[in-house]
Amino acid sequence: MSLPTASRSELRDIVRSQLQLLLEQKNYGGAKTLLIPVQPVDIAEAIAFLPEGIRVIAFRLLNKAEAIEVYEYLNFEVQQFLLEKFQAEEARQIIDSIAPDERAKLFDELPPKIVRRLVSQLSPEERQATSLLLGYKANTAGRLMTPEYIALKEHLTATEAQERIRNLASSAEVSYYIYIVDSGKKLIGITSLKDLIITLPEQILGQIMTRDVVYAHTDTDKEEVAHLIQRYDLIALPIVDKDQNLLGVITVDDVIDILESEATEDIYTMAAVQADHDSYFNQNLLSAARKRTPWLLILLITNSITVLILSRYEQVLDEVVALAFFTPLLIDAGGNVGAQSSTVVIRGLSTDELRGKKPTLVILRESMTGGMLGILLGILVIVAIFVFLGKGAIGFTVGLSLLSITLIAATTGAALPFLFHSLGLDPALMSAPLITTVVDILGILIYLNIAKFLLGI
């Protein structure tokens, strides 16, 4: 069966729809033929979209080598579903054949009872590799690295090294970089496959290797690993223990996953939604509501302070009822400015863009920006109130309050993420909803006190 000429995304849609149709018709030969020209990642996506009843059938149409590659591309929910449906020997073959780092990620998500059963079924070599990775803390380089790399001794000639690489490349995940180690497996240098090919055949690795190696330790946080690979434009990063012994490597495709995961977590946190490893849209309604509840309860309690403040200034509002009309305008403007300042600072801290910059200068810059916005918006408000309501005193009160609120909002929004960062907490915890609540409270206090002073109430 040939596929029509189409874009890559259109082909994926065609494969998904045709695969399900063929499987439902029990045309397994046609389904198998359909998948022959399809990339493993696209097959994984197609299987994930199939009804649960025919996922296993689709997976079993693949040959062993392709099945292993496709399984690594599946999301965790589908991986676990297939494991539960596989026969014992089928599950053992798949788990034993996938890359150690991918296996460790899967085991992180599975119940301990299932993990123990699967580990006991692995071959001795794979069991040792898996136990090594699972022995490190979650979210560290040791947990994410793969032990499938090429390491050679420095006394080998280029010709000897090329012969060794030909023998080892099929079992290594990383073959572009060649790591040079001493007799004790200590990392002493690195060279690329390109340099190895263009060098003279009789030259030894010790003469062509680079000794200034960028590496990370097994306990390095995964975010720092991602920053190192990104900063130095690496394809893979070697991971060593405290004695500089080479234990594994982390590849750039793992870093893409890390960056996506961290960005998703930060966005969820900034939106006051609890983040975890599960896909938000794959959860049931009860679980989705539960993730939003804690922050909303906190915000509900803190917003109650605004009600208390308004009740204390009831006389002011009774004297000049028009003041109440502009309360939403002021607190919304302040909340938006504060959220903008906190967002740029949180992002700057996350991407190391603010590394080396003094927090006081960054906060001052945001304060000046807030002040400029306050002056511009304040003038517009004063003019609008005077033109449409003819109340100059109230207009000046609202305009001055708007200037003060935007100035304080920008300062607060920039300062609080720095405070959290200095305390060793995730700056994203200083989310936009929390910043907005803090600014609302301060804004109401400022507005009513300015009105009380200027209007002589």
Protein backbone atom coordinates (compact mmCIF):
# COMPACT_ATOMS: atom_id res chain seq x y z
CA MET A 1 0.00 0.00 0.00
CA SER A 2 1.56 3.30 -1.04
CA LEU A 3 0.89 6.57 0.68
CA PRO A 4 -0.05 9.66 -1.37
CA THR A 5 2.34 12.56 -1.63
CA ALA A 6 1.69 14.82 1.35
CA SER A 7 3.39 16.78 4.10
CA ARG A 8 4.82 14.97 7.09
CA SER A 9 1.93 16.01 9.34
CA GLU A 10 -0.63 14.93 6.71
CA LEU A 11 1.10 11.55 6.42
CA ARG A 12 0.87 11.07 10.17
CA ASP A 13 -2.87 11.75 10.07
CA ILE A 14 -3.30 9.33 7.16
CA VAL A 15 -1.36 6.59 8.94
CA ARG A 16 -3.37 7.04 12.14
CA SER A 17 -6.74 6.85 10.43
CA GLN A 18 -5.83 4.05 8.01
CA LEU A 19 -4.09 1.97 10.67
CA GLN A 20 -7.15 1.96 12.91
CA LEU A 21 -9.43 1.15 9.97
CA LEU A 22 -7.25 -1.77 8.81
CA LEU A 23 -6.95 -3.20 12.33
CA GLU A 24 -10.69 -2.97 12.94
CA GLN A 25 -11.20 -4.83 9.64
CA LYS A 26 -8.61 -7.41 10.83
CA ASN A 27 -6.56 -6.69 7.73
CA TYR A 28 -3.27 -7.26 9.55
CA GLY A 29 -1.26 -7.73 6.37
CA GLY A 30 -2.38 -4.37 5.07
CA ALA A 31 -1.65 -2.71 8.42
CA LYS A 32 1.84 -4.21 8.49
CA THR A 33 2.51 -2.99 4.94
CA LEU A 34 1.20 0.47 5.85
CA LEU A 35 3.77 0.82 8.64
CA ILE A 36 6.82 -0.24 6.58
CA PRO A 37 7.79 3.29 5.34
CA VAL A 38 6.73 5.05 8.54
CA GLN A 39 9.28 6.44 11.01
CA PRO A 40 9.32 4.78 14.48
CA VAL A 41 8.34 8.00 16.25
CA ASP A 42 5.30 8.36 13.97
CA ILE A 43 4.36 4.71 14.53
CA ALA A 44 4.49 5.33 18.28
CA GLU A 45 2.20 8.33 17.89
CA ALA A 46 -0.23 6.30 15.76
CA ILE A 47 -0.32 3.47 18.32
CA ALA A 48 -0.94 5.95 21.15
CA PHE A 49 -4.04 7.26 19.35
CA LEU A 50 -5.50 3.79 18.79
CA PRO A 51 -8.30 2.45 21.00
CA GLU A 52 -6.86 0.38 23.85
CA GLY A 53 -8.35 -2.81 22.48
CA ILE A 54 -6.14 -2.84 19.38
CA ARG A 55 -2.92 -1.20 20.61
CA VAL A 56 -1.27 -4.52 21.43
CA ILE A 57 -2.24 -5.95 18.03
CA ALA A 58 -0.63 -2.99 16.26
CA PHE A 59 2.53 -3.28 18.33
CA ARG A 60 2.87 -6.99 17.61
CA LEU A 61 2.88 -6.32 13.86
CA LEU A 62 6.36 -4.79 14.21
CA ASN A 63 9.57 -6.77 13.96
CA LYS A 64 11.63 -7.03 17.13
CA ALA A 65 14.17 -4.31 16.34
CA GLU A 66 11.50 -1.84 15.26
CA ALA A 67 9.26 -2.72 18.21
CA ILE A 68 12.04 -1.86 20.65
CA GLU A 69 12.66 1.52 19.00
CA VAL A 70 8.94 2.32 18.82
CA TYR A 71 8.45 1.38 22.48
CA GLU A 72 11.04 3.96 23.57
CA TYR A 73 9.08 6.70 21.77
CA LEU A 74 5.75 5.83 23.44
CA ASN A 75 4.58 7.94 26.36
CA PHE A 76 4.57 6.39 29.80
CA GLU A 77 0.84 5.68 29.92
CA VAL A 78 0.97 3.61 26.73
CA GLN A 79 4.19 1.88 27.79
CA GLN A 80 2.60 0.79 31.05
CA PHE A 81 -0.61 -0.32 29.29
CA LEU A 82 1.34 -2.51 26.86
CA LEU A 83 3.42 -4.02 29.68
CA GLU A 84 0.24 -5.06 31.43
CA LYS A 85 -1.03 -6.74 28.25
CA PHE A 86 2.23 -8.41 27.22
CA GLN A 87 2.99 -12.00 28.02
CA ALA A 88 5.87 -12.47 30.48
CA GLU A 89 8.46 -13.41 27.84
CA GLU A 90 7.31 -10.64 25.51
CA ALA A 91 7.63 -8.04 28.29
CA ARG A 92 11.07 -9.39 29.26
CA GLN A 93 12.40 -9.11 25.71
CA ILE A 94 11.20 -5.53 25.31
CA ILE A 95 12.47 -4.33 28.71
CA ASP A 96 15.78 -6.14 28.30
CA SER A 97 16.41 -4.54 24.90
CA ILE A 98 15.55 -0.87 25.43
CA ALA A 99 18.30 1.59 26.37
CA PRO A 100 19.24 1.57 30.09
CA ASP A 101 18.39 5.24 30.59
CA GLU A 102 14.96 4.79 28.95
CA ARG A 103 14.39 1.72 31.12
CA ALA A 104 15.28 3.69 34.25
CA LYS A 105 12.78 6.42 33.30
CA LEU A 106 10.06 3.81 32.85
CA PHE A 107 10.89 2.11 36.16
CA ASP A 108 10.65 5.49 37.91
CA GLU A 109 6.96 5.62 37.01
CA LEU A 110 5.97 1.98 37.60
CA PRO A 111 4.81 0.56 40.95
CA PRO A 112 7.74 -0.94 42.96
CA LYS A 113 6.22 -4.44 42.82
CA ILE A 114 6.22 -4.44 39.00
CA VAL A 115 9.73 -2.95 38.89
CA ARG A 116 11.13 -5.71 41.12
CA ARG A 117 9.55 -8.37 38.91
CA LEU A 118 10.88 -6.82 35.71
CA VAL A 119 14.38 -6.27 37.11
CA SER A 120 14.57 -9.91 38.18
CA GLN A 121 13.82 -10.95 34.56
CA LEU A 122 16.60 -8.87 33.00
CA SER A 123 19.86 -10.35 31.81
CA PRO A 124 22.74 -9.97 34.34
CA GLU A 125 24.38 -7.19 32.27
CA GLU A 126 21.18 -5.18 31.86
CA ARG A 127 20.21 -5.74 35.50
CA GLN A 128 23.57 -4.32 36.60
CA ALA A 129 23.24 -1.30 34.27
CA THR A 130 19.69 -0.61 35.46
CA SER A 131 20.54 -1.00 39.16
CA LEU A 132 23.43 1.44 38.68
CA LEU A 133 21.14 4.14 37.29
CA LEU A 134 18.34 3.54 39.80
CA GLY A 135 20.89 3.91 42.60
CA TYR A 136 21.24 7.63 41.95
CA LYS A 137 18.80 10.30 43.11
CA ALA A 138 15.94 11.28 40.83
CA ASN A 139 16.52 14.29 38.54
CA THR A 140 20.30 13.95 38.69
CA ALA A 141 22.80 13.24 35.92
CA GLY A 142 23.46 9.75 37.30
CA ARG A 143 19.81 8.81 36.94
CA LEU A 144 19.56 10.12 33.37
CA MET A 145 22.88 8.98 31.86
CA THR A 146 23.36 5.99 29.58
CA PRO A 147 26.32 3.63 30.06
CA GLU A 148 26.37 2.92 26.32
CA TYR A 149 29.33 4.99 25.08
CA ILE A 150 32.74 4.39 23.49
CA ALA A 151 35.84 4.80 25.67
CA LEU A 152 39.35 4.00 24.48
CA LYS A 153 42.87 4.12 25.90
CA GLU A 154 45.18 6.98 24.91
CA HIS A 155 48.00 4.75 23.62
CA LEU A 156 45.91 3.41 20.70
CA THR A 157 46.75 4.64 17.21
CA ALA A 158 44.09 6.15 14.97
CA THR A 159 43.94 2.95 12.92
CA GLU A 160 43.56 0.77 16.03
CA ALA A 161 40.94 3.13 17.45
CA GLN A 162 38.89 3.01 14.23
CA GLU A 163 38.94 -0.78 14.32
CA ARG A 164 37.76 -0.78 17.95
CA ILE A 165 34.99 1.69 17.12
CA ARG A 166 33.74 -0.53 14.30
CA ASN A 167 33.41 -3.35 16.83
CA LEU A 168 31.76 -1.23 19.53
CA ALA A 169 29.54 1.20 17.59
CA SER A 170 26.55 -1.13 17.31
CA SER A 171 26.22 -1.35 21.12
CA ALA A 172 26.89 2.33 21.84
CA GLU A 173 24.29 5.10 21.92
CA VAL A 174 26.93 7.79 21.38
CA SER A 175 29.55 7.26 18.68
CA TYR A 176 30.31 10.82 17.55
CA TYR A 177 32.43 11.54 20.63
CA ILE A 178 35.23 9.17 21.59
CA TYR A 179 36.16 9.40 25.28
CA ILE A 180 39.74 8.74 26.28
CA VAL A 181 40.36 7.07 29.64
CA ASP A 182 43.41 5.81 31.50
CA SER A 183 43.90 2.29 32.82
CA GLY A 184 41.69 3.09 35.82
CA LYS A 185 38.81 4.38 33.63
CA LYS A 186 39.51 7.99 34.63
CA LEU A 187 38.37 10.48 31.98
CA ILE A 188 41.43 12.28 30.61
CA GLY A 189 40.36 13.52 27.18
CA ILE A 190 37.92 13.52 24.29
CA THR A 191 38.06 13.49 20.51
CA SER A 192 35.48 13.45 17.76
CA LEU A 193 34.97 10.82 15.10
CA LYS A 194 35.76 13.48 12.50
CA ASP A 195 39.17 14.25 14.05
CA LEU A 196 39.91 10.55 14.30
CA ILE A 197 39.19 9.99 10.60
CA ILE A 198 41.23 12.92 9.24
CA THR A 199 44.29 12.37 11.45
CA LEU A 200 47.34 10.35 10.36
CA PRO A 201 46.85 6.59 10.82
CA GLU A 202 49.91 6.20 13.08
CA GLN A 203 49.05 9.05 15.46
CA ILE A 204 47.96 7.95 18.93
CA LEU A 205 44.83 9.20 20.64
CA GLY A 206 46.86 10.97 23.32
CA GLN A 207 48.23 13.30 20.61
CA ILE A 208 44.91 14.28 19.03
CA MET A 209 42.57 14.33 22.01
CA THR A 210 41.34 17.46 23.79
CA ARG A 211 42.18 17.41 27.49
CA ASP A 212 39.88 20.30 28.43
CA VAL A 213 36.72 18.22 28.77
CA VAL A 214 33.33 19.62 29.78
CA TYR A 215 31.68 17.10 32.11
CA ALA A 216 29.22 16.77 34.97
CA HIS A 217 29.16 14.66 38.12
CA THR A 218 26.57 11.99 38.86
CA ASP A 219 24.87 14.20 41.47
CA THR A 220 24.59 17.24 39.17
CA ASP A 221 21.01 18.44 38.79
CA LYS A 222 19.44 17.73 35.40
CA GLU A 223 18.82 21.44 34.75
CA GLU A 224 22.52 22.17 35.14
CA VAL A 225 23.28 19.32 32.74
CA ALA A 226 20.93 20.86 30.18
CA HIS A 227 22.57 24.27 30.60
CA LEU A 228 26.06 22.79 30.08
CA ILE A 229 25.08 21.04 26.85
CA GLN A 230 23.27 24.14 25.65
CA ARG A 231 26.10 26.51 26.61
CA TYR A 232 28.90 24.52 24.99
CA ASP A 233 26.90 23.22 21.98
CA LEU A 234 27.54 19.58 22.83
CA ILE A 235 25.92 16.50 21.37
CA ALA A 236 26.63 14.53 24.55
CA LEU A 237 28.01 15.27 28.01
CA PRO A 238 30.22 12.78 29.90
CA ILE A 239 29.21 11.98 33.47
CA VAL A 240 31.89 11.13 36.05
CA ASP A 241 32.03 10.19 39.72
CA LYS A 242 33.94 12.07 42.41
CA ASP A 243 37.20 10.39 41.30
CA GLN A 244 36.70 11.49 37.66
CA ASN A 245 35.93 7.93 36.54
CA LEU A 246 33.73 7.91 33.44
CA LEU A 247 30.38 6.24 34.17
CA GLY A 248 28.06 7.36 31.37
CA VAL A 249 26.91 10.11 29.03
CA ILE A 250 23.79 12.23 28.60
CA THR A 251 22.80 12.97 25.02
CA VAL A 252 21.23 16.07 23.51
CA ASP A 253 17.90 14.31 22.90
CA ASP A 254 17.65 13.73 26.65
CA VAL A 255 18.34 17.42 27.20
CA ILE A 256 15.48 18.41 24.89
CA ASP A 257 13.19 16.28 27.07
CA ILE A 258 14.63 17.92 30.21
CA LEU A 259 14.12 21.46 28.89
CA GLU A 260 10.56 20.67 27.81
CA SER A 261 9.79 19.10 31.17
CA GLU A 262 11.24 22.01 33.15
CA ALA A 263 9.51 24.62 31.00
CA THR A 264 6.18 22.81 31.44
CA GLU A 265 6.70 22.57 35.19
CA ASP A 266 7.55 26.28 35.47
CA ILE A 267 4.52 27.30 33.39
CA TYR A 268 2.21 25.14 35.50
CA THR A 269 3.73 26.52 38.71
CA MET A 270 3.46 30.12 37.53
CA ALA A 271 -0.20 29.51 36.72
CA ALA A 272 -0.74 28.15 40.26
CA VAL A 273 -1.32 24.59 39.03
CA GLN A 274 0.53 21.75 40.75
CA ALA A 275 2.91 20.06 38.33
CA ASP A 276 4.05 16.45 38.25
CA HIS A 277 5.19 13.87 35.71
CA ASP A 278 1.74 13.05 34.40
CA SER A 279 0.31 14.77 31.36
CA TYR A 280 -2.34 17.19 32.59
CA PHE A 281 -4.74 16.42 29.73
CA ASN A 282 -4.52 12.67 30.30
CA GLN A 283 -5.84 12.98 33.86
CA ASN A 284 -9.43 12.61 34.98
CA LEU A 285 -11.49 15.63 36.04
CA LEU A 286 -11.12 14.90 39.75
CA SER A 287 -7.34 14.80 39.52
CA ALA A 288 -7.25 17.97 37.39
CA ALA A 289 -9.42 19.82 39.92
CA ARG A 290 -7.29 18.56 42.80
CA LYS A 291 -4.15 20.05 41.23
CA ARG A 292 -5.70 23.51 41.18
CA THR A 293 -7.27 23.41 44.64
CA PRO A 294 -4.31 24.15 46.99
CA TRP A 295 -3.26 27.42 45.36
CA LEU A 296 -6.85 28.56 44.90
CA LEU A 297 -7.52 28.01 48.60
CA ILE A 298 -4.42 30.03 49.49
CA LEU A 299 -5.45 32.81 47.10
CA LEU A 300 -9.01 32.75 48.46
CA ILE A 301 -7.74 33.26 51.99
CA THR A 302 -5.29 36.02 51.02
CA ASN A 303 -7.91 37.80 48.92
CA SER A 304 -10.11 37.91 52.01
CA ILE A 305 -7.66 40.49 53.32
CA THR A 306 -8.85 42.83 50.54
CA VAL A 307 -12.42 42.52 51.83
CA LEU A 308 -11.28 43.37 55.37
CA ILE A 309 -9.43 46.44 54.13
CA LEU A 310 -12.46 47.67 52.19
CA SER A 311 -14.65 47.21 55.25
CA ARG A 312 -12.28 49.36 57.34
CA TYR A 313 -12.51 52.16 54.78
CA GLU A 314 -16.28 51.98 54.45
CA GLN A 315 -16.66 55.63 55.51
CA VAL A 316 -14.35 56.78 52.69
CA LEU A 317 -16.36 54.87 50.11
CA ASP A 318 -19.65 56.15 51.55
CA GLU A 319 -18.46 59.76 51.30
CA VAL A 320 -17.28 59.45 47.68
CA VAL A 321 -19.12 56.53 46.05
CA ALA A 322 -17.36 57.16 42.71
CA LEU A 323 -14.12 55.87 44.26
CA ALA A 324 -15.50 52.33 44.22
CA PHE A 325 -15.98 52.50 40.44
CA PHE A 326 -12.21 52.66 39.82
CA THR A 327 -11.15 49.91 42.23
CA PRO A 328 -11.15 47.12 39.56
CA LEU A 329 -9.18 49.36 37.17
CA LEU A 330 -6.45 49.99 39.72
CA ILE A 331 -6.02 46.47 41.06
CA ASP A 332 -6.14 44.95 37.56
CA ALA A 333 -3.51 47.38 36.27
CA GLY A 334 -1.29 46.71 39.27
CA GLY A 335 -1.77 42.95 39.00
CA ASN A 336 -0.87 42.95 35.31
CA VAL A 337 2.27 45.05 35.81
CA GLY A 338 3.36 42.88 38.75
CA ALA A 339 2.76 39.69 36.77
CA GLN A 340 4.77 41.04 33.83
CA SER A 341 7.73 41.93 36.04
CA SER A 342 7.68 38.60 37.87
CA THR A 343 7.45 36.68 34.58
CA VAL A 344 10.51 38.32 32.99
CA VAL A 345 12.57 37.89 36.18
CA ILE A 346 11.52 34.24 36.67
CA ARG A 347 12.37 33.49 33.06
CA GLY A 348 15.69 35.29 33.38
CA LEU A 349 16.59 33.25 36.45
CA SER A 350 15.55 30.00 34.76
CA THR A 351 17.65 30.62 31.64
CA ASP A 352 20.66 32.10 33.47
CA GLU A 353 20.13 35.33 31.53
CA LEU A 354 20.44 37.19 34.83
CA ARG A 355 23.64 35.38 35.84
CA GLY A 356 26.17 38.01 36.89
CA LYS A 357 23.59 40.81 37.05
CA LYS A 358 22.98 42.48 40.39
CA PRO A 359 19.42 41.92 41.66
CA THR A 360 19.19 45.52 42.87
CA LEU A 361 19.85 46.84 39.35
CA VAL A 362 17.28 44.49 37.81
CA ILE A 363 14.69 45.48 40.42
CA LEU A 364 15.50 49.17 39.90
CA ARG A 365 15.08 48.77 36.14
CA GLU A 366 11.66 47.15 36.59
CA SER A 367 10.66 49.85 39.10
CA MET A 368 11.54 52.56 36.60
CA THR A 369 9.57 50.71 33.91
CA GLY A 370 6.59 50.49 36.27
CA GLY A 371 6.92 54.19 37.04
CA MET A 372 6.95 55.13 33.35
CA LEU A 373 3.87 52.98 32.74
CA GLY A 374 2.19 54.55 35.77
CA ILE A 375 2.81 58.09 34.54
CA LEU A 376 1.46 57.28 31.08
CA LEU A 377 -1.62 55.45 32.35
CA GLY A 378 -2.19 57.98 35.14
CA ILE A 379 -2.30 60.92 32.71
CA LEU A 380 -4.75 59.08 30.47
CA VAL A 381 -7.00 58.25 33.44
CA ILE A 382 -6.94 61.82 34.80
CA VAL A 383 -7.90 63.23 31.40
CA ALA A 384 -10.62 60.61 30.84
CA ILE A 385 -12.24 61.15 34.25
CA PHE A 386 -12.18 64.93 33.85
CA VAL A 387 -13.64 64.81 30.32
CA PHE A 388 -16.36 62.22 30.93
CA LEU A 389 -17.19 62.78 34.62
CA GLY A 390 -16.00 66.32 35.24
CA LYS A 391 -14.41 65.27 38.56
CA GLY A 392 -10.86 66.64 38.59
CA ALA A 393 -10.12 65.79 42.24
CA ILE A 394 -11.18 62.15 41.83
CA GLY A 395 -9.28 61.96 38.55
CA PHE A 396 -6.08 63.19 40.21
CA THR A 397 -6.63 60.74 43.09
CA VAL A 398 -7.03 57.79 40.73
CA GLY A 399 -4.11 58.89 38.55
CA LEU A 400 -1.73 59.30 41.49
CA SER A 401 -2.89 55.98 42.92
CA LEU A 402 -2.29 54.30 39.56
CA LEU A 403 1.27 55.66 39.45
CA SER A 404 1.97 54.46 42.99
CA ILE A 405 0.41 51.05 42.43
CA THR A 406 2.25 50.30 39.16
CA LEU A 407 5.52 51.41 40.72
CA ILE A 408 5.07 49.16 43.75
CA ALA A 409 3.70 46.31 41.61
CA ALA A 410 6.73 46.31 39.31
CA THR A 411 9.11 46.46 42.27
CA THR A 412 7.30 43.68 44.14
CA GLY A 413 6.98 41.51 41.04
CA ALA A 414 10.72 41.75 40.38
CA ALA A 415 11.90 41.45 43.98
CA LEU A 416 9.92 38.43 45.20
CA PRO A 417 11.35 35.92 42.65
CA PHE A 418 14.86 37.04 43.67
CA LEU A 419 13.90 36.50 47.32
CA PHE A 420 12.66 32.98 46.61
CA HIS A 421 15.79 32.23 44.57
CA SER A 422 18.07 33.40 47.40
CA LEU A 423 16.21 31.10 49.81
CA GLY A 424 16.87 28.11 47.56
CA LEU A 425 13.25 27.88 46.40
CA ASP A 426 11.94 27.72 42.85
CA PRO A 427 11.32 31.34 41.69
CA ALA A 428 8.33 30.05 39.70
CA LEU A 429 6.55 29.54 43.01
CA MET A 430 6.14 33.31 43.01
CA SER A 431 3.40 32.79 40.46
CA ALA A 432 1.37 35.43 38.67
CA PRO A 433 -1.78 34.73 40.77
CA LEU A 434 0.19 35.19 44.01
CA ILE A 435 1.86 38.38 42.75
CA THR A 436 -1.56 39.68 41.71
CA THR A 437 -3.00 38.98 45.15
CA VAL A 438 -0.13 40.74 46.93
CA VAL A 439 -0.45 43.75 44.64
CA ASP A 440 -4.25 43.82 45.09
CA ILE A 441 -3.83 44.14 48.85
CA LEU A 442 -1.16 46.84 48.59
CA GLY A 443 -3.08 48.63 45.83
CA ILE A 444 -6.31 48.93 47.83
CA LEU A 445 -4.39 50.28 50.84
CA ILE A 446 -2.57 52.85 48.69
CA TYR A 447 -5.69 53.94 46.82
CA LEU A 448 -7.91 54.46 49.84
CA ASN A 449 -5.23 56.23 51.87
CA ILE A 450 -4.43 58.60 48.98
CA ALA A 451 -8.16 59.29 48.58
CA LYS A 452 -8.51 59.90 52.31
CA PHE A 453 -5.62 62.38 52.24
CA LEU A 454 -6.37 64.26 49.02
CA LEU A 455 -10.15 64.43 49.40
CA GLY A 456 -10.01 65.28 53.10
CA ILE A 457 -12.35 62.50 54.16
